[in-house]
C-alpha cells in the first residue's frame, strides 16, 4: 500500500506543485471525484491517472487494461487491491 501512496504523491506533487506526503493520504482518501458527487478528494485528473498508470506498469512490470473502472482505483486501498489482483492474474 505504501508503494501506491508514494506513486500518488509523486504524481500529485509534480502536477499540483504541492508538498503532499504519503502520510497525508489515508487508505480510503478519494483520489478524484469519480462519481461526480462533489466529495472532497485529491483532485487528480486524467493526465495524473495516466502518469500513475505508467509508473505502476514500469515499477511492477504489469500491463494495465486499456479501460479501468474509475471506482476500482478511486482510493489507495482500492487501487492496491485492484493491482494485487492484476499481479496475481499476470504471473
C-alpha atoms as a PDB file:
ATOM      1  CA  UNK A   1       0.000   0.000   0.000  1.00  0.00           C
ATOM      2  CA  UNK A   2       2.864   2.368   0.803  1.00  0.00           C
ATOM      3  CA  UNK A   3       4.260   1.988  -2.733  1.00  0.00           C
ATOM      4  CA  UNK A   4       0.925   3.057  -4.207  1.00  0.00           C
ATOM      5  CA  UNK A   5       0.800   6.092  -1.921  1.00  0.00           C
ATOM      6  CA  UNK A   6       4.362   7.025  -2.900  1.00  0.00           C
ATOM      7  CA  UNK A   7       3.429   6.926  -6.589  1.00  0.00           C
ATOM      8  CA  UNK A   8       0.311   9.023  -5.996  1.00  0.00           C
ATOM      9  CA  UNK A   9       2.307  11.583  -4.004  1.00  0.00           C
ATOM     10  CA  UNK A  10       4.992  11.801  -6.696  1.00  0.00           C
ATOM     11  CA  UNK A  11       2.435  12.465  -9.420  1.00  0.00           C
ATOM     12  CA  UNK A  12       0.385  14.829  -7.263  1.00  0.00           C
ATOM     13  CA  UNK A  13       3.394  16.928  -6.314  1.00  0.00           C
ATOM     14  CA  UNK A  14       4.548  17.224  -9.929  1.00  0.00           C
ATOM     15  CA  UNK A  15       1.189  18.279 -11.312  1.00  0.00           C
ATOM     16  CA  UNK A  16      -0.049  20.370  -8.391  1.00  0.00           C
ATOM     17  CA  UNK A  17       3.290  21.842  -7.321  1.00  0.00           C
ATOM     18  CA  UNK A  18       2.482  20.569  -3.877  1.00  0.00           C
ATOM     19  CA  UNK A  19       4.228  19.144  -0.875  1.00  0.00           C
ATOM     20  CA  UNK A  20       1.924  16.210  -0.201  1.00  0.00           C
ATOM     21  CA  UNK A  21       3.472  13.355   1.790  1.00  0.00           C
ATOM     22  CA  UNK A  22       2.387   9.693   1.821  1.00  0.00           C
ATOM     23  CA  UNK A  23       1.330  10.007   5.451  1.00  0.00           C
ATOM     24  CA  UNK A  24      -1.061  12.811   4.418  1.00  0.00           C
ATOM     25  CA  UNK A  25      -3.158  10.303   2.462  1.00  0.00           C
ATOM     26  CA  UNK A  26      -5.443   7.853   4.210  1.00  0.00           C
ATOM     27  CA  UNK A  27      -6.080   4.429   2.704  1.00  0.00           C
ATOM     28  CA  UNK A  28      -9.618   5.491   1.814  1.00  0.00           C
ATOM     29  CA  UNK A  29      -8.853   9.048   0.618  1.00  0.00           C
ATOM     30  CA  UNK A  30     -10.656   9.758  -2.650  1.00  0.00           C
ATOM     31  CA  UNK A  31      -8.146  10.479  -5.381  1.00  0.00           C
ATOM     32  CA  UNK A  32     -10.665  12.079  -7.724  1.00  0.00           C
ATOM     33  CA  UNK A  33     -14.396  12.707  -7.926  1.00  0.00           C
ATOM     34  CA  UNK A  34     -15.146   9.516  -9.868  1.00  0.00           C
ATOM     35  CA  UNK A  35     -18.908   9.671  -9.372  1.00  0.00           C
ATOM     36  CA  UNK A  36     -19.190  13.464  -9.647  1.00  0.00           C
ATOM     37  CA  UNK A  37     -20.708  13.697  -6.187  1.00  0.00           C
ATOM     38  CA  UNK A  38     -18.615  16.683  -5.209  1.00  0.00           C
ATOM     39  CA  UNK A  39     -16.963  14.710  -2.405  1.00  0.00           C
ATOM     40  CA  UNK A  40     -13.658  16.018  -1.074  1.00  0.00           C
ATOM     41  CA  UNK A  41     -10.772  14.413  -2.964  1.00  0.00           C
ATOM     42  CA  UNK A  42      -7.165  14.995  -4.050  1.00  0.00           C
ATOM     43  CA  UNK A  43      -8.392  16.325  -7.405  1.00  0.00           C
ATOM     44  CA  UNK A  44      -6.197  14.110  -9.552  1.00  0.00           C
ATOM     45  CA  UNK A  45      -7.171  14.370 -13.208  1.00  0.00           C
ATOM     46  CA  UNK A  46      -6.953  12.093 -16.238  1.00  0.00           C
ATOM     47  CA  UNK A  47      -3.374  13.125 -17.007  1.00  0.00           C
ATOM     48  CA  UNK A  48      -2.403  12.307 -13.438  1.00  0.00           C
ATOM     49  CA  UNK A  49      -4.079   8.908 -13.832  1.00  0.00           C
ATOM     50  CA  UNK A  50      -2.054   8.205 -16.979  1.00  0.00           C
ATOM     51  CA  UNK A  51       1.156   9.117 -15.181  1.00  0.00           C
ATOM     52  CA  UNK A  52       0.274   6.894 -12.222  1.00  0.00           C
ATOM     53  CA  UNK A  53      -0.539   4.063 -14.649  1.00  0.00           C
ATOM     54  CA  UNK A  54       2.782   4.457 -16.475  1.00  0.00           C
ATOM     55  CA  UNK A  55       4.736   4.342 -13.216  1.00  0.00           C
ATOM     56  CA  UNK A  56       2.781   1.320 -11.967  1.00  0.00           C
ATOM     57  CA  UNK A  57       3.320  -0.563 -15.237  1.00  0.00           C
ATOM     58  CA  UNK A  58       7.040   0.115 -15.131  1.00  0.00           C
ATOM     59  CA  UNK A  59       7.559  -0.473 -11.420  1.00  0.00           C
ATOM     60  CA  UNK A  60       5.541  -3.711 -11.262  1.00  0.00           C
ATOM     61  CA  UNK A  61       6.187  -4.964 -14.805  1.00  0.00           C
ATOM     62  CA  UNK A  62       2.428  -5.070 -15.460  1.00  0.00           C
ATOM     63  CA  UNK A  63       0.223  -4.393 -18.413  1.00  0.00           C
ATOM     64  CA  UNK A  64      -2.834  -2.486 -17.275  1.00  0.00           C
ATOM     65  CA  UNK A  65      -6.127  -2.931 -19.128  1.00  0.00           C
ATOM     66  CA  UNK A  66      -6.975  -0.219 -21.644  1.00  0.00           C
ATOM     67  CA  UNK A  67     -10.116   0.662 -19.704  1.00  0.00           C
ATOM     68  CA  UNK A  68     -10.352   0.591 -15.930  1.00  0.00           C
ATOM     69  CA  UNK A  69     -13.492   1.380 -13.976  1.00  0.00           C
ATOM     70  CA  UNK A  70     -12.794   4.596 -12.058  1.00  0.00           C
ATOM     71  CA  UNK A  71     -14.355   3.185  -8.894  1.00  0.00           C
ATOM     72  CA  UNK A  72     -11.767   0.367  -8.919  1.00  0.00           C
ATOM     73  CA  UNK A  73      -8.939   2.841  -8.350  1.00  0.00           C
ATOM     74  CA  UNK A  74     -10.705   5.684  -6.561  1.00  0.00           C
ATOM     75  CA  UNK A  75      -8.734   5.321  -3.305  1.00  0.00           C
ATOM     76  CA  UNK A  76      -5.263   3.996  -2.427  1.00  0.00           C
ATOM     77  CA  UNK A  77      -6.867   0.887  -0.867  1.00  0.00           C
ATOM     78  CA  UNK A  78      -8.986   0.154  -3.946  1.00  0.00           C
ATOM     79  CA  UNK A  79      -6.034   0.788  -6.263  1.00  0.00           C
ATOM     80  CA  UNK A  80      -3.845  -1.542  -4.179  1.00  0.00           C
ATOM     81  CA  UNK A  81      -6.495  -4.291  -4.200  1.00  0.00           C
ATOM     82  CA  UNK A  82      -7.041  -3.889  -7.952  1.00  0.00           C
ATOM     83  CA  UNK A  83      -3.318  -4.021  -8.697  1.00  0.00           C
ATOM     84  CA  UNK A  84      -2.849  -7.020  -6.416  1.00  0.00           C
ATOM     85  CA  UNK A  85      -5.461  -8.897  -8.441  1.00  0.00           C
ATOM     86  CA  UNK A  86      -3.708  -7.947 -11.698  1.00  0.00           C
ATOM     87  CA  UNK A  87      -0.333  -9.071 -10.387  1.00  0.00           C
ATOM     88  CA  UNK A  88      -1.807 -12.454  -9.420  1.00  0.00           C
ATOM     89  CA  UNK A  89      -3.504 -12.855 -12.789  1.00  0.00           C
ATOM     90  CA  UNK A  90      -0.441 -11.876 -14.842  1.00  0.00           C
ATOM     91  CA  UNK A  91       2.112 -14.037 -13.014  1.00  0.00           C
END
